[in-house]
C-alpha cells in the first residue's frame, strides 16, 4: 500500500461514524433509502447510466473496512466523503 493509502487508513481510524451518519452523507449524494432487512439499510441511487446500491449497517460504529467498502460501492472518493462529514 502506498503512503497515501496509509494516510487514509490512519485518518479513518481517528474517528468513528454511525450507520445513520453514513446514510445522511449518502443521501446528500442522491441515495435514497429503499428498504431495511434487520439492521441493514439498503440505499439506491439511479442515474441514466446506471443504478448503484449500497448496504449500510445500522450500527453505532461502522468498522473501518466496512466504511471504505461503502464509499467504494457508492462511487464516491474518500476525499469527497470526508468533506461531507463536516
C-alpha atoms as a PDB file:
ATOM      1  CA  UNK A   1       0.000   0.000   0.000  1.00  0.00           C
ATOM      2  CA  UNK A   2       1.271   3.480  -0.774  1.00  0.00           C
ATOM      3  CA  UNK A   3       1.926   6.076   1.865  1.00  0.00           C
ATOM      4  CA  UNK A   4      -1.117   7.962   0.574  1.00  0.00           C
ATOM      5  CA  UNK A   5      -3.265   4.900   1.271  1.00  0.00           C
ATOM      6  CA  UNK A   6      -1.812   4.595   4.759  1.00  0.00           C
ATOM      7  CA  UNK A   7      -2.722   8.209   5.478  1.00  0.00           C
ATOM      8  CA  UNK A   8      -6.345   7.482   4.582  1.00  0.00           C
ATOM      9  CA  UNK A   9      -6.377   4.363   6.719  1.00  0.00           C
ATOM     10  CA  UNK A  10      -4.988   6.320   9.669  1.00  0.00           C
ATOM     11  CA  UNK A  11      -7.494   9.103   9.095  1.00  0.00           C
ATOM     12  CA  UNK A  12     -10.422   6.687   9.113  1.00  0.00           C
ATOM     13  CA  UNK A  13      -9.138   5.093  12.318  1.00  0.00           C
ATOM     14  CA  UNK A  14      -9.059   8.502  14.010  1.00  0.00           C
ATOM     15  CA  UNK A  15     -12.862   8.817  14.231  1.00  0.00           C
ATOM     16  CA  UNK A  16     -15.975   6.718  14.487  1.00  0.00           C
ATOM     17  CA  UNK A  17     -19.111   7.162  12.456  1.00  0.00           C
ATOM     18  CA  UNK A  18     -22.543   5.625  12.868  1.00  0.00           C
ATOM     19  CA  UNK A  19     -24.661   3.987  10.220  1.00  0.00           C
ATOM     20  CA  UNK A  20     -27.198   6.809  10.470  1.00  0.00           C
ATOM     21  CA  UNK A  21     -24.461   9.387   9.788  1.00  0.00           C
ATOM     22  CA  UNK A  22     -23.288   7.414   6.744  1.00  0.00           C
ATOM     23  CA  UNK A  23     -26.880   7.352   5.456  1.00  0.00           C
ATOM     24  CA  UNK A  24     -27.149  11.139   5.866  1.00  0.00           C
ATOM     25  CA  UNK A  25     -23.960  11.621   3.858  1.00  0.00           C
ATOM     26  CA  UNK A  26     -25.082   9.244   1.105  1.00  0.00           C
ATOM     27  CA  UNK A  27     -28.481  10.979   0.989  1.00  0.00           C
ATOM     28  CA  UNK A  28     -26.683  14.255   0.217  1.00  0.00           C
ATOM     29  CA  UNK A  29     -25.265  12.473  -2.839  1.00  0.00           C
ATOM     30  CA  UNK A  30     -28.665  11.367  -4.128  1.00  0.00           C
ATOM     31  CA  UNK A  31     -29.006   7.941  -2.498  1.00  0.00           C
ATOM     32  CA  UNK A  32     -32.491   7.019  -1.316  1.00  0.00           C
ATOM     33  CA  UNK A  33     -33.358   4.528   1.406  1.00  0.00           C
ATOM     34  CA  UNK A  34     -35.377   1.810  -0.310  1.00  0.00           C
ATOM     35  CA  UNK A  35     -35.731  -0.852   2.362  1.00  0.00           C
ATOM     36  CA  UNK A  36     -34.328  -2.410   5.502  1.00  0.00           C
ATOM     37  CA  UNK A  37     -33.602  -6.010   6.387  1.00  0.00           C
ATOM     38  CA  UNK A  38     -32.741  -6.460  10.041  1.00  0.00           C
ATOM     39  CA  UNK A  39     -30.086  -3.929  10.971  1.00  0.00           C
ATOM     40  CA  UNK A  40     -29.026  -3.352   7.353  1.00  0.00           C
ATOM     41  CA  UNK A  41     -30.415  -0.410   5.404  1.00  0.00           C
ATOM     42  CA  UNK A  42     -30.342  -0.545   1.605  1.00  0.00           C
ATOM     43  CA  UNK A  43     -29.897   2.679  -0.354  1.00  0.00           C
ATOM     44  CA  UNK A  44     -30.116   3.111  -4.122  1.00  0.00           C
ATOM     45  CA  UNK A  45     -29.038   5.856  -6.498  1.00  0.00           C
ATOM     46  CA  UNK A  46     -30.327   5.722 -10.047  1.00  0.00           C
ATOM     47  CA  UNK A  47     -28.990   7.670 -12.986  1.00  0.00           C
ATOM     48  CA  UNK A  48     -29.406   7.412 -16.738  1.00  0.00           C
ATOM     49  CA  UNK A  49     -26.188   5.399 -16.981  1.00  0.00           C
ATOM     50  CA  UNK A  50     -26.516   3.006 -14.062  1.00  0.00           C
ATOM     51  CA  UNK A  51     -28.028   2.067 -10.735  1.00  0.00           C
ATOM     52  CA  UNK A  52     -25.900   1.820  -7.591  1.00  0.00           C
ATOM     53  CA  UNK A  53     -26.933   0.019  -4.447  1.00  0.00           C
ATOM     54  CA  UNK A  54     -25.256   0.288  -1.070  1.00  0.00           C
ATOM     55  CA  UNK A  55     -25.950  -1.624   2.137  1.00  0.00           C
ATOM     56  CA  UNK A  56     -25.277   0.279   5.365  1.00  0.00           C
ATOM     57  CA  UNK A  57     -25.368  -1.490   8.728  1.00  0.00           C
ATOM     58  CA  UNK A  58     -27.399   0.497  11.243  1.00  0.00           C
ATOM     59  CA  UNK A  59     -24.738   0.252  13.951  1.00  0.00           C
ATOM     60  CA  UNK A  60     -23.416   2.807  16.426  1.00  0.00           C
ATOM     61  CA  UNK A  61     -19.936   2.379  14.930  1.00  0.00           C
ATOM     62  CA  UNK A  62     -19.106   1.309  11.387  1.00  0.00           C
ATOM     63  CA  UNK A  63     -15.877  -0.683  11.038  1.00  0.00           C
ATOM     64  CA  UNK A  64     -13.134   0.966   9.001  1.00  0.00           C
ATOM     65  CA  UNK A  65     -13.139  -1.728   6.310  1.00  0.00           C
ATOM     66  CA  UNK A  66     -16.927  -1.626   6.026  1.00  0.00           C
ATOM     67  CA  UNK A  67     -16.874   2.148   5.679  1.00  0.00           C
ATOM     68  CA  UNK A  68     -14.219   2.028   2.972  1.00  0.00           C
ATOM     69  CA  UNK A  69     -16.269  -0.559   1.065  1.00  0.00           C
ATOM     70  CA  UNK A  70     -19.440   1.559   1.356  1.00  0.00           C
ATOM     71  CA  UNK A  71     -17.527   4.526  -0.067  1.00  0.00           C
ATOM     72  CA  UNK A  72     -16.176   2.383  -2.924  1.00  0.00           C
ATOM     73  CA  UNK A  73     -19.608   0.945  -3.763  1.00  0.00           C
ATOM     74  CA  UNK A  74     -21.180   4.406  -3.744  1.00  0.00           C
ATOM     75  CA  UNK A  75     -18.713   5.631  -6.357  1.00  0.00           C
ATOM     76  CA  UNK A  76     -17.522   8.446  -4.109  1.00  0.00           C
ATOM     77  CA  UNK A  77     -13.926   9.257  -3.356  1.00  0.00           C
ATOM     78  CA  UNK A  78     -12.620   9.173   0.186  1.00  0.00           C
ATOM     79  CA  UNK A  79     -11.853  12.883  -0.088  1.00  0.00           C
ATOM     80  CA  UNK A  80     -15.430  13.759  -1.058  1.00  0.00           C
ATOM     81  CA  UNK A  81     -16.838  11.593   1.707  1.00  0.00           C
ATOM     82  CA  UNK A  82     -14.623  13.252   4.297  1.00  0.00           C
ATOM     83  CA  UNK A  83     -15.676  16.713   3.105  1.00  0.00           C
ATOM     84  CA  UNK A  84     -19.345  15.807   3.597  1.00  0.00           C
ATOM     85  CA  UNK A  85     -18.783  14.679   7.190  1.00  0.00           C
ATOM     86  CA  UNK A  86     -18.191  18.248   8.335  1.00  0.00           C
END
